[in-house]
Amino acid sequence: MSTPTTQLVRPAGAGHETLYVLLLCLAILAVAGSVVLWRGEPEVVSSVQTHQLDARRDLGASEQGIYADLRVTLDEIHLLREEQQALPTPQILADEGFAPFAQDASSVSRGGHAWQLLGSGAYFGQSQAPSVAGSFLMRLNALGNAEPDIWLNRGASLQAPADLADAALISAGWQQVVAQFDAGVTRQHRH
């Protein structure tokens, strides 16, 4: 009889397999990181001039509501202007129920603006509560451009401006409201 021979069988090592899996993970992360860096868009920081206010950052809640209402109502004003061959009065707009011209609970809570049509093609809304919302001025151009030109003045004792030129409005304390839309709307942190 022969003597039994024993062979020593070593268990399969997991060290090499683990190393290969980690190297594969690192390669995947490196490829994903390079794609993100390559395809990422640079952050564009837009700033407003000193005589301007950003509609998203610089206006209070009531002022943002009035600003949004003016932008929406501008289309209706252009349609009524085409039909009547004249700018509709604030009373006509209020009768039609267009905010912010209509006198309802919302307009009262937003400052109770008294609207008037200035002869040169602008609507002036004087705030009855400047601590809630400032007074608004919406200038219209003769071309019927859909882009609004809206100004804000938070002064307490304010009269309708006589001169509607930019320089005159700026010197009287008016600030132009501009809407800037960028990719970082929801990612900005104010400290």
N, C-alpha and C. Protein backbone atom coordinates (compact mmCIF):
# COMPACT_ATOMS: atom_id res chain seq x y z
N MET A 1 0.80 -1.15 0.00
CA MET A 1 0.00 0.00 0.00
C MET A 1 0.86 1.23 0.00
N SER A 2 0.28 2.07 -0.58
CA SER A 2 1.05 3.31 -0.62
C SER A 2 0.54 4.24 0.47
N THR A 3 1.40 5.10 0.81
CA THR A 3 1.04 6.04 1.87
C THR A 3 0.20 7.18 1.28
N PRO A 4 -0.79 7.49 1.97
CA PRO A 4 -1.63 8.57 1.44
C PRO A 4 -0.83 9.89 1.41
N THR A 5 -1.05 10.59 0.37
CA THR A 5 -0.39 11.89 0.26
C THR A 5 -1.42 12.97 0.53
N THR A 6 -1.02 13.90 1.19
CA THR A 6 -1.93 15.02 1.48
C THR A 6 -1.44 16.24 0.73
N GLN A 7 -2.38 16.88 0.17
CA GLN A 7 -2.05 18.13 -0.50
C GLN A 7 -2.68 19.26 0.30
N LEU A 8 -1.92 20.25 0.39
CA LEU A 8 -2.40 21.43 1.11
C LEU A 8 -3.05 22.36 0.08
N VAL A 9 -4.34 22.62 0.20
CA VAL A 9 -5.07 23.50 -0.72
C VAL A 9 -5.35 24.80 0.02
N ARG A 10 -4.82 25.86 -0.52
CA ARG A 10 -5.02 27.17 0.11
C ARG A 10 -6.35 27.77 -0.37
N PRO A 11 -7.05 28.49 0.52
CA PRO A 11 -8.31 29.11 0.09
C PRO A 11 -8.02 30.24 -0.91
N ALA A 12 -9.00 30.47 -1.75
CA ALA A 12 -8.83 31.54 -2.74
C ALA A 12 -8.75 32.87 -2.00
N GLY A 13 -7.79 33.66 -2.39
CA GLY A 13 -7.59 34.94 -1.73
C GLY A 13 -8.53 36.00 -2.27
N ALA A 14 -9.16 36.70 -1.37
CA ALA A 14 -10.07 37.77 -1.77
C ALA A 14 -9.33 39.09 -1.92
N GLY A 15 -8.07 39.12 -1.55
CA GLY A 15 -7.29 40.36 -1.62
C GLY A 15 -7.15 40.88 -3.03
N HIS A 16 -6.90 40.01 -3.99
CA HIS A 16 -6.75 40.44 -5.38
C HIS A 16 -8.09 40.90 -5.95
N GLU A 17 -9.16 40.17 -5.63
CA GLU A 17 -10.47 40.56 -6.14
C GLU A 17 -10.89 41.91 -5.57
N THR A 18 -10.64 42.14 -4.31
CA THR A 18 -10.98 43.42 -3.69
C THR A 18 -10.19 44.54 -4.34
N LEU A 19 -8.94 44.32 -4.61
CA LEU A 19 -8.10 45.32 -5.26
C LEU A 19 -8.66 45.66 -6.64
N TYR A 20 -9.07 44.66 -7.40
CA TYR A 20 -9.62 44.90 -8.73
C TYR A 20 -10.94 45.67 -8.67
N VAL A 21 -11.77 45.35 -7.72
CA VAL A 21 -13.05 46.07 -7.57
C VAL A 21 -12.79 47.52 -7.19
N LEU A 22 -11.87 47.79 -6.28
CA LEU A 22 -11.54 49.16 -5.89
C LEU A 22 -10.96 49.95 -7.05
N LEU A 23 -10.10 49.33 -7.84
CA LEU A 23 -9.54 50.01 -9.02
C LEU A 23 -10.64 50.34 -10.04
N LEU A 24 -11.58 49.42 -10.22
CA LEU A 24 -12.70 49.68 -11.12
C LEU A 24 -13.55 50.85 -10.62
N CYS A 25 -13.81 50.88 -9.31
CA CYS A 25 -14.59 51.99 -8.72
C CYS A 25 -13.87 53.32 -8.91
N LEU A 26 -12.59 53.35 -8.69
CA LEU A 26 -11.81 54.58 -8.88
C LEU A 26 -11.83 55.03 -10.34
N ALA A 27 -11.75 54.10 -11.25
CA ALA A 27 -11.81 54.45 -12.67
C ALA A 27 -13.17 55.04 -13.03
N ILE A 28 -14.23 54.44 -12.52
CA ILE A 28 -15.58 54.97 -12.78
C ILE A 28 -15.72 56.37 -12.20
N LEU A 29 -15.27 56.60 -10.98
CA LEU A 29 -15.34 57.94 -10.37
C LEU A 29 -14.52 58.95 -11.14
N ALA A 30 -13.34 58.55 -11.63
CA ALA A 30 -12.50 59.47 -12.40
C ALA A 30 -13.18 59.85 -13.70
N VAL A 31 -13.78 58.89 -14.39
CA VAL A 31 -14.48 59.19 -15.64
C VAL A 31 -15.69 60.08 -15.37
N ALA A 32 -16.47 59.78 -14.35
CA ALA A 32 -17.66 60.59 -14.03
C ALA A 32 -17.24 62.01 -13.63
N GLY A 33 -16.21 62.14 -12.83
CA GLY A 33 -15.74 63.48 -12.44
C GLY A 33 -15.25 64.29 -13.61
N SER A 34 -14.55 63.65 -14.55
CA SER A 34 -14.07 64.39 -15.71
C SER A 34 -15.23 64.81 -16.61
N VAL A 35 -16.26 63.98 -16.72
CA VAL A 35 -17.43 64.34 -17.51
C VAL A 35 -18.15 65.54 -16.88
N VAL A 36 -18.28 65.53 -15.57
CA VAL A 36 -18.94 66.64 -14.88
C VAL A 36 -18.15 67.93 -15.08
N LEU A 37 -16.85 67.86 -14.92
CA LEU A 37 -16.02 69.06 -15.11
C LEU A 37 -16.04 69.54 -16.56
N TRP A 38 -16.05 68.61 -17.48
CA TRP A 38 -16.03 68.97 -18.89
C TRP A 38 -17.36 69.55 -19.34
N ARG A 39 -18.48 68.98 -18.87
CA ARG A 39 -19.81 69.39 -19.30
C ARG A 39 -20.43 70.47 -18.41
N GLY A 40 -19.83 70.78 -17.29
CA GLY A 40 -20.39 71.77 -16.37
C GLY A 40 -20.39 73.16 -16.97
N GLU A 41 -21.39 73.93 -16.61
CA GLU A 41 -21.49 75.30 -17.09
C GLU A 41 -20.90 76.24 -16.05
N PRO A 42 -20.19 77.25 -16.50
CA PRO A 42 -19.61 78.19 -15.54
C PRO A 42 -20.71 79.02 -14.87
N GLU A 43 -20.48 79.37 -13.65
CA GLU A 43 -21.45 80.17 -12.90
C GLU A 43 -21.33 81.61 -13.36
N VAL A 44 -22.42 82.13 -13.88
CA VAL A 44 -22.45 83.49 -14.36
C VAL A 44 -23.11 84.35 -13.28
N VAL A 45 -22.39 85.29 -12.79
CA VAL A 45 -22.93 86.17 -11.76
C VAL A 45 -23.40 87.45 -12.45
N SER A 46 -24.68 87.69 -12.38
CA SER A 46 -25.23 88.89 -12.99
C SER A 46 -25.51 89.90 -11.89
N SER A 47 -25.20 91.11 -12.18
CA SER A 47 -25.41 92.16 -11.19
C SER A 47 -26.30 93.24 -11.78
N VAL A 48 -26.94 93.96 -10.92
CA VAL A 48 -27.80 95.05 -11.35
C VAL A 48 -27.08 96.37 -11.08
N GLN A 49 -27.45 97.37 -11.82
CA GLN A 49 -26.86 98.69 -11.63
C GLN A 49 -27.41 99.32 -10.36
N THR A 50 -26.82 100.41 -9.94
CA THR A 50 -27.21 101.03 -8.67
C THR A 50 -28.63 101.58 -8.70
N HIS A 51 -29.14 101.94 -9.86
CA HIS A 51 -30.50 102.48 -9.95
C HIS A 51 -31.53 101.39 -10.24
N GLN A 52 -31.13 100.13 -10.12
CA GLN A 52 -32.03 99.03 -10.41
C GLN A 52 -32.22 98.13 -9.20
N LEU A 53 -33.34 97.43 -9.20
CA LEU A 53 -33.65 96.42 -8.18
C LEU A 53 -33.90 95.10 -8.88
N ASP A 54 -33.42 94.02 -8.31
CA ASP A 54 -33.69 92.69 -8.83
C ASP A 54 -35.06 92.26 -8.30
N ALA A 55 -35.96 91.92 -9.21
CA ALA A 55 -37.33 91.56 -8.82
C ALA A 55 -37.37 90.37 -7.88
N ARG A 56 -36.41 89.49 -7.98
CA ARG A 56 -36.42 88.28 -7.17
C ARG A 56 -35.82 88.51 -5.79
N ARG A 57 -34.78 89.31 -5.70
CA ARG A 57 -34.05 89.45 -4.43
C ARG A 57 -34.37 90.71 -3.65
N ASP A 58 -34.69 91.79 -4.34
CA ASP A 58 -34.77 93.09 -3.69
C ASP A 58 -36.18 93.58 -3.38
N LEU A 59 -37.19 92.86 -3.81
CA LEU A 59 -38.57 93.28 -3.56
C LEU A 59 -39.17 92.45 -2.44
N GLY A 60 -40.05 93.09 -1.67
CA GLY A 60 -40.81 92.37 -0.65
C GLY A 60 -41.90 91.54 -1.31
N ALA A 61 -42.59 90.74 -0.53
CA ALA A 61 -43.62 89.84 -1.06
C ALA A 61 -44.74 90.62 -1.75
N SER A 62 -45.20 91.70 -1.13
CA SER A 62 -46.28 92.50 -1.73
C SER A 62 -45.81 93.14 -3.03
N GLU A 63 -44.58 93.65 -3.02
CA GLU A 63 -44.05 94.29 -4.23
C GLU A 63 -43.85 93.28 -5.35
N GLN A 64 -43.41 92.07 -5.01
CA GLN A 64 -43.28 91.03 -6.03
C GLN A 64 -44.63 90.67 -6.63
N GLY A 65 -45.66 90.64 -5.81
CA GLY A 65 -47.00 90.35 -6.32
C GLY A 65 -47.49 91.41 -7.27
N ILE A 66 -47.29 92.67 -6.91
CA ILE A 66 -47.72 93.77 -7.78
C ILE A 66 -46.92 93.76 -9.08
N TYR A 67 -45.62 93.53 -8.96
CA TYR A 67 -44.76 93.47 -10.15
C TYR A 67 -45.23 92.36 -11.09
N ALA A 68 -45.52 91.19 -10.55
CA ALA A 68 -45.99 90.07 -11.37
C ALA A 68 -47.33 90.41 -12.02
N ASP A 69 -48.23 91.05 -11.27
CA ASP A 69 -49.53 91.43 -11.81
C ASP A 69 -49.37 92.44 -12.95
N LEU A 70 -48.46 93.39 -12.80
CA LEU A 70 -48.24 94.37 -13.85
C LEU A 70 -47.70 93.71 -15.12
N ARG A 71 -46.82 92.76 -14.96
CA ARG A 71 -46.27 92.06 -16.13
C ARG A 71 -47.36 91.29 -16.87
N VAL A 72 -48.25 90.66 -16.12
CA VAL A 72 -49.33 89.88 -16.74
C VAL A 72 -50.36 90.82 -17.38
N THR A 73 -50.71 91.88 -16.71
CA THR A 73 -51.73 92.80 -17.19
C THR A 73 -51.25 93.60 -18.40
N LEU A 74 -49.95 93.71 -18.58
CA LEU A 74 -49.41 94.46 -19.71
C LEU A 74 -49.92 93.91 -21.04
N ASP A 75 -50.02 92.60 -21.16
CA ASP A 75 -50.55 92.01 -22.40
C ASP A 75 -51.98 92.46 -22.65
N GLU A 76 -52.78 92.50 -21.60
CA GLU A 76 -54.18 92.93 -21.74
C GLU A 76 -54.25 94.41 -22.10
N ILE A 77 -53.36 95.20 -21.54
CA ILE A 77 -53.32 96.63 -21.86
C ILE A 77 -53.02 96.82 -23.35
N HIS A 78 -52.08 96.05 -23.88
CA HIS A 78 -51.76 96.16 -25.31
C HIS A 78 -52.95 95.75 -26.17
N LEU A 79 -53.67 94.71 -25.77
CA LEU A 79 -54.85 94.29 -26.54
C LEU A 79 -55.94 95.35 -26.50
N LEU A 80 -56.18 95.91 -25.32
CA LEU A 80 -57.20 96.96 -25.20
C LEU A 80 -56.79 98.21 -25.96
N ARG A 81 -55.50 98.50 -25.98
CA ARG A 81 -55.01 99.67 -26.74
C ARG A 81 -55.29 99.49 -28.22
N GLU A 82 -55.09 98.28 -28.74
CA GLU A 82 -55.35 98.00 -30.15
C GLU A 82 -56.84 98.12 -30.46
N GLU A 83 -57.70 97.63 -29.57
CA GLU A 83 -59.14 97.68 -29.79
C GLU A 83 -59.68 99.10 -29.74
N GLN A 84 -59.25 99.87 -28.73
CA GLN A 84 -59.82 101.19 -28.48
C GLN A 84 -59.01 102.32 -29.11
N GLN A 85 -57.85 102.00 -29.67
CA GLN A 85 -56.95 103.00 -30.23
C GLN A 85 -56.51 104.03 -29.19
N ALA A 86 -56.56 103.64 -27.94
CA ALA A 86 -56.10 104.50 -26.84
C ALA A 86 -55.79 103.61 -25.64
N LEU A 87 -54.97 104.13 -24.75
CA LEU A 87 -54.66 103.36 -23.54
C LEU A 87 -55.89 103.29 -22.64
N PRO A 88 -56.18 102.12 -22.10
CA PRO A 88 -57.31 102.03 -21.18
C PRO A 88 -56.97 102.73 -19.86
N THR A 89 -57.97 103.33 -19.27
CA THR A 89 -57.77 104.00 -17.99
C THR A 89 -57.67 102.95 -16.88
N PRO A 90 -57.10 103.33 -15.76
CA PRO A 90 -57.07 102.39 -14.63
C PRO A 90 -58.47 101.95 -14.19
N GLN A 91 -59.47 102.82 -14.37
CA GLN A 91 -60.83 102.45 -14.01
C GLN A 91 -61.36 101.34 -14.91
N ILE A 92 -61.07 101.43 -16.21
CA ILE A 92 -61.49 100.38 -17.15
C ILE A 92 -60.81 99.06 -16.78
N LEU A 93 -59.51 99.13 -16.47
CA LEU A 93 -58.78 97.93 -16.09
C LEU A 93 -59.33 97.34 -14.79
N ALA A 94 -59.71 98.22 -13.85
CA ALA A 94 -60.28 97.76 -12.58
C ALA A 94 -61.64 97.11 -12.82
N ASP A 95 -62.46 97.72 -13.70
CA ASP A 95 -63.77 97.15 -14.00
C ASP A 95 -63.66 95.78 -14.67
N GLU A 96 -62.60 95.59 -15.45
CA GLU A 96 -62.37 94.30 -16.10
C GLU A 96 -61.81 93.27 -15.10
N GLY A 97 -61.40 93.73 -13.92
CA GLY A 97 -60.90 92.84 -12.88
C GLY A 97 -59.42 92.52 -12.98
N PHE A 98 -58.66 93.36 -13.69
CA PHE A 98 -57.23 93.12 -13.84
C PHE A 98 -56.47 93.63 -12.63
N ALA A 99 -55.70 92.72 -12.03
CA ALA A 99 -54.85 93.10 -10.91
C ALA A 99 -53.63 93.81 -11.48
N PRO A 100 -53.07 94.73 -10.82
CA PRO A 100 -53.33 95.28 -9.49
C PRO A 100 -54.29 96.47 -9.51
N PHE A 101 -54.97 96.70 -10.64
CA PHE A 101 -55.85 97.86 -10.76
C PHE A 101 -57.18 97.66 -10.04
N ALA A 102 -57.65 96.42 -9.98
CA ALA A 102 -58.91 96.13 -9.31
C ALA A 102 -58.76 96.35 -7.80
N GLN A 103 -59.76 96.96 -7.21
CA GLN A 103 -59.74 97.22 -5.76
C GLN A 103 -60.43 96.05 -5.06
N ASP A 104 -59.60 95.14 -4.55
CA ASP A 104 -60.12 93.99 -3.82
C ASP A 104 -59.28 93.79 -2.57
N ALA A 105 -59.52 92.72 -1.86
CA ALA A 105 -58.79 92.47 -0.61
C ALA A 105 -57.29 92.32 -0.85
N SER A 106 -56.94 91.72 -1.98
CA SER A 106 -55.52 91.55 -2.30
C SER A 106 -54.83 92.89 -2.51
N SER A 107 -55.48 93.81 -3.22
CA SER A 107 -54.85 95.10 -3.47
C SER A 107 -54.73 95.92 -2.19
N VAL A 108 -55.69 95.79 -1.31
CA VAL A 108 -55.63 96.51 -0.04
C VAL A 108 -54.49 95.98 0.82
N SER A 109 -54.33 94.66 0.85
CA SER A 109 -53.26 94.08 1.67
C SER A 109 -51.88 94.34 1.09
N ARG A 110 -51.81 94.69 -0.19
CA ARG A 110 -50.53 94.97 -0.83
C ARG A 110 -50.18 96.45 -0.86
N GLY A 111 -50.89 97.26 -0.16
CA GLY A 111 -50.55 98.68 -0.10
C GLY A 111 -51.64 99.61 -0.57
N GLY A 112 -52.73 99.10 -1.09
CA GLY A 112 -53.87 99.93 -1.50
C GLY A 112 -53.49 101.01 -2.51
N HIS A 113 -52.86 100.65 -3.58
CA HIS A 113 -52.38 101.61 -4.57
C HIS A 113 -53.54 102.32 -5.28
N ALA A 114 -53.38 103.63 -5.44
CA ALA A 114 -54.33 104.44 -6.21
C ALA A 114 -53.68 104.66 -7.58
N TRP A 115 -54.31 104.11 -8.62
CA TRP A 115 -53.71 104.12 -9.95
C TRP A 115 -54.25 105.26 -10.78
N GLN A 116 -53.34 105.82 -11.58
CA GLN A 116 -53.75 106.85 -12.54
C GLN A 116 -52.93 106.71 -13.81
N LEU A 117 -53.54 107.10 -14.91
CA LEU A 117 -52.87 107.08 -16.20
C LEU A 117 -52.23 108.43 -16.43
N LEU A 118 -50.93 108.43 -16.63
CA LEU A 118 -50.23 109.67 -16.93
C LEU A 118 -50.32 109.88 -18.44
N GLY A 119 -50.52 111.13 -18.85
CA GLY A 119 -50.77 111.45 -20.24
C GLY A 119 -49.72 110.95 -21.21
N SER A 120 -48.53 110.72 -20.77
CA SER A 120 -47.45 110.34 -21.68
C SER A 120 -47.30 108.83 -21.85
N GLY A 121 -48.29 108.07 -21.44
CA GLY A 121 -48.24 106.62 -21.65
C GLY A 121 -47.62 105.86 -20.51
N ALA A 122 -48.02 106.17 -19.30
CA ALA A 122 -47.49 105.46 -18.14
C ALA A 122 -48.59 105.35 -17.10
N TYR A 123 -48.51 104.28 -16.32
CA TYR A 123 -49.43 104.07 -15.21
C TYR A 123 -48.66 104.29 -13.91
N PHE A 124 -49.24 105.11 -13.04
CA PHE A 124 -48.63 105.43 -11.76
C PHE A 124 -49.54 104.92 -10.65
N GLY A 125 -49.00 104.08 -9.79
CA GLY A 125 -49.76 103.55 -8.66
C GLY A 125 -49.15 104.05 -7.37
N GLN A 126 -49.83 105.00 -6.73
CA GLN A 126 -49.33 105.56 -5.49
C GLN A 126 -49.75 104.70 -4.31
N SER A 127 -48.77 104.28 -3.54
CA SER A 127 -49.03 103.40 -2.41
C SER A 127 -49.65 104.19 -1.26
N GLN A 128 -50.67 103.60 -0.65
CA GLN A 128 -51.28 104.19 0.53
C GLN A 128 -50.59 103.69 1.80
N ALA A 129 -49.73 102.69 1.66
CA ALA A 129 -48.98 102.12 2.78
C ALA A 129 -47.55 101.82 2.31
N PRO A 130 -46.69 102.85 2.25
CA PRO A 130 -45.32 102.64 1.74
C PRO A 130 -44.50 101.64 2.55
N SER A 131 -44.89 101.38 3.79
CA SER A 131 -44.15 100.39 4.58
C SER A 131 -44.45 98.97 4.10
N VAL A 132 -45.59 98.78 3.42
CA VAL A 132 -45.96 97.47 2.89
C VAL A 132 -45.39 97.29 1.48
N ALA A 133 -45.60 98.29 0.65
CA ALA A 133 -45.12 98.25 -0.74
C ALA A 133 -44.95 99.68 -1.23
N GLY A 134 -43.92 99.89 -2.01
CA GLY A 134 -43.67 101.21 -2.56
C GLY A 134 -44.63 101.55 -3.70
N SER A 135 -44.46 102.74 -4.23
CA SER A 135 -45.27 103.19 -5.37
C SER A 135 -44.65 102.68 -6.66
N PHE A 136 -45.50 102.38 -7.64
CA PHE A 136 -45.04 101.80 -8.90
C PHE A 136 -45.32 102.74 -10.06
N LEU A 137 -44.45 102.66 -11.05
CA LEU A 137 -44.62 103.38 -12.31
C LEU A 137 -44.33 102.39 -13.43
N MET A 138 -45.30 102.22 -14.34
CA MET A 138 -45.09 101.34 -15.49
C MET A 138 -45.18 102.18 -16.75
N ARG A 139 -44.03 102.31 -17.41
CA ARG A 139 -43.97 103.08 -18.66
C ARG A 139 -44.25 102.16 -19.84
N LEU A 140 -45.04 102.66 -20.77
CA LEU A 140 -45.35 101.91 -21.99
C LEU A 140 -44.71 102.64 -23.16
N ASN A 141 -44.23 101.87 -24.11
CA ASN A 141 -43.69 102.51 -25.31
C ASN A 141 -44.71 102.44 -26.42
N ALA A 142 -44.51 103.25 -27.43
CA ALA A 142 -45.47 103.34 -28.53
C ALA A 142 -45.47 102.09 -29.40
N LEU A 143 -44.39 101.31 -29.37
CA LEU A 143 -44.29 100.14 -30.24
C LEU A 143 -45.08 98.96 -29.72
N GLY A 144 -45.52 99.01 -28.48
CA GLY A 144 -46.26 97.89 -27.93
C GLY A 144 -45.38 96.72 -27.56
N ASN A 145 -44.15 97.00 -27.19
CA ASN A 145 -43.23 95.95 -26.78
C ASN A 145 -43.78 95.26 -25.54
N ALA A 146 -43.70 93.95 -25.52
CA ALA A 146 -44.24 93.18 -24.41
C ALA A 146 -43.37 93.26 -23.15
N GLU A 147 -42.16 93.72 -23.29
CA GLU A 147 -41.26 93.79 -22.13
C GLU A 147 -41.62 95.00 -21.26
N PRO A 148 -41.95 94.79 -20.00
CA PRO A 148 -42.38 95.90 -19.16
C PRO A 148 -41.22 96.78 -18.71
N ASP A 149 -41.51 98.02 -18.48
CA ASP A 149 -40.55 98.97 -17.93
C ASP A 149 -41.17 99.49 -16.64
N ILE A 150 -40.84 98.84 -15.54
CA ILE A 150 -41.50 99.10 -14.26
C ILE A 150 -40.48 99.69 -13.29
N TRP A 151 -40.91 100.74 -12.60
CA TRP A 151 -40.07 101.45 -11.64
C TRP A 151 -40.75 101.44 -10.27
N LEU A 152 -39.94 101.55 -9.21
CA LEU A 152 -40.44 101.51 -7.84
C LEU A 152 -39.81 102.65 -7.05
N ASN A 153 -40.65 103.29 -6.23
CA ASN A 153 -40.16 104.31 -5.30
C ASN A 153 -40.83 104.06 -3.96
N ARG A 154 -40.01 103.90 -2.93
CA ARG A 154 -40.54 103.60 -1.60
C ARG A 154 -40.70 104.84 -0.74
N GLY A 155 -40.64 106.00 -1.35
CA GLY A 155 -40.81 107.24 -0.60
C GLY A 155 -42.22 107.38 -0.05
N ALA A 156 -42.33 108.07 1.10
CA ALA A 156 -43.63 108.19 1.78
C ALA A 156 -44.52 109.25 1.13
N SER A 157 -44.01 110.43 0.91
CA SER A 157 -44.83 111.51 0.31
C SER A 157 -44.38 111.68 -1.13
N LEU A 158 -45.09 111.02 -2.01
CA LEU A 158 -44.67 110.93 -3.39
C LEU A 158 -45.77 111.46 -4.30
N GLN A 159 -45.37 112.18 -5.31
CA GLN A 159 -46.30 112.67 -6.33
C GLN A 159 -45.99 111.98 -7.65
N ALA A 160 -46.94 112.02 -8.56
CA ALA A 160 -46.73 111.44 -9.88
C ALA A 160 -45.59 112.19 -10.57
N PRO A 161 -44.66 111.47 -11.15
CA PRO A 161 -43.53 112.15 -11.81
C PRO A 161 -43.99 112.89 -13.06
N ALA A 162 -43.45 114.08 -13.24
CA ALA A 162 -43.78 114.88 -14.42
C ALA A 162 -42.90 114.49 -15.60
N ASP A 163 -41.64 114.21 -15.33
CA ASP A 163 -40.69 113.84 -16.36
C ASP A 163 -40.42 112.34 -16.24
N LEU A 164 -40.67 111.60 -17.30
CA LEU A 164 -40.53 110.15 -17.26
C LEU A 164 -39.23 109.64 -17.88
N ALA A 165 -38.29 110.53 -18.11
CA ALA A 165 -36.99 110.11 -18.63
C ALA A 165 -36.22 109.38 -17.54
N ASP A 166 -35.37 108.46 -17.95
CA ASP A 166 -34.60 107.67 -16.99
C ASP A 166 -33.84 108.54 -16.00
N ALA A 167 -33.13 109.54 -16.50
CA ALA A 167 -32.31 110.39 -15.63
C ALA A 167 -33.17 111.13 -14.60
N ALA A 168 -34.33 111.61 -15.02
CA ALA A 168 -35.22 112.33 -14.11
C ALA A 168 -35.78 111.38 -13.04
N LEU A 169 -36.15 110.19 -13.44
CA LEU A 169 -36.67 109.22 -12.48
C LEU A 169 -35.60 108.81 -11.47
N ILE A 170 -34.40 108.58 -11.95
CA ILE A 170 -33.31 108.18 -11.05
C ILE A 170 -33.00 109.29 -10.05
N SER A 171 -32.98 110.52 -10.52
CA SER A 171 -32.68 111.64 -9.61
C SER A 171 -33.82 111.87 -8.61
N ALA A 172 -35.04 111.44 -8.94
CA ALA A 172 -36.17 111.58 -8.03
C ALA A 172 -36.29 110.39 -7.07
N GLY A 173 -35.35 109.45 -7.14
CA GLY A 173 -35.36 108.33 -6.21
C GLY A 173 -36.04 107.07 -6.70
N TRP A 174 -36.43 107.04 -7.95
CA TRP A 174 -37.05 105.85 -8.52
C TRP A 174 -35.98 104.83 -8.86
N GLN A 175 -36.33 103.56 -8.74
CA GLN A 175 -35.43 102.47 -9.10
C GLN A 175 -36.15 101.54 -10.07
N GLN A 176 -35.46 101.19 -11.14
CA GLN A 176 -36.02 100.32 -12.16
C GLN A 176 -35.98 98.87 -11.67
N VAL A 177 -37.10 98.17 -11.83
CA VAL A 177 -37.19 96.77 -11.42
C VAL A 177 -36.84 95.90 -12.64
N VAL A 178 -35.84 95.06 -12.46
CA VAL A 178 -35.42 94.18 -13.55
C VAL A 178 -35.56 92.73 -13.11
N ALA A 179 -35.91 91.89 -14.05
CA ALA A 179 -36.04 90.45 -13.76
C ALA A 179 -34.87 89.75 -14.42
N GLN A 180 -34.09 89.08 -13.59
CA GLN A 180 -32.95 88.31 -14.09
C GLN A 180 -33.18 86.86 -13.77
N PHE A 181 -33.10 86.04 -14.80
CA PHE A 181 -33.31 84.62 -14.61
C PHE A 181 -32.02 83.90 -14.97
N ASP A 182 -31.46 83.21 -14.00
CA ASP A 182 -30.24 82.45 -14.24
C ASP A 182 -30.39 81.08 -13.62
N ALA A 183 -29.41 80.24 -13.85
CA ALA A 183 -29.48 78.86 -13.36
C ALA A 183 -29.41 78.77 -11.86
N GLY A 184 -28.90 79.78 -11.20
CA GLY A 184 -28.71 79.71 -9.77
C GLY A 184 -29.83 80.29 -8.94
N VAL A 185 -31.03 80.34 -9.48
CA VAL A 185 -32.14 80.95 -8.75
C VAL A 185 -32.36 80.27 -7.41
N THR A 186 -32.35 78.97 -7.41
CA THR A 186 -32.66 78.25 -6.17
C THR A 186 -31.42 77.87 -5.38
N ARG A 187 -30.25 78.15 -5.92
CA ARG A 187 -29.03 77.72 -5.24
C ARG A 187 -28.30 78.87 -4.56
N GLN A 188 -28.89 80.03 -4.47
CA GLN A 188 -28.19 81.15 -3.86
C GLN A 188 -28.48 81.20 -2.38
N HIS A 189 -27.44 81.47 -1.64
CA HIS A 189 -27.56 81.58 -0.19
C HIS A 189 -27.20 82.99 0.20
N ARG A 190 -28.11 83.65 0.88
CA ARG A 190 -27.84 85.01 1.35
C ARG A 190 -27.37 84.92 2.79
N HIS A 191 -26.24 85.49 3.05
CA HIS A 191 -25.69 85.47 4.41
C HIS A 191 -25.65 86.86 4.97
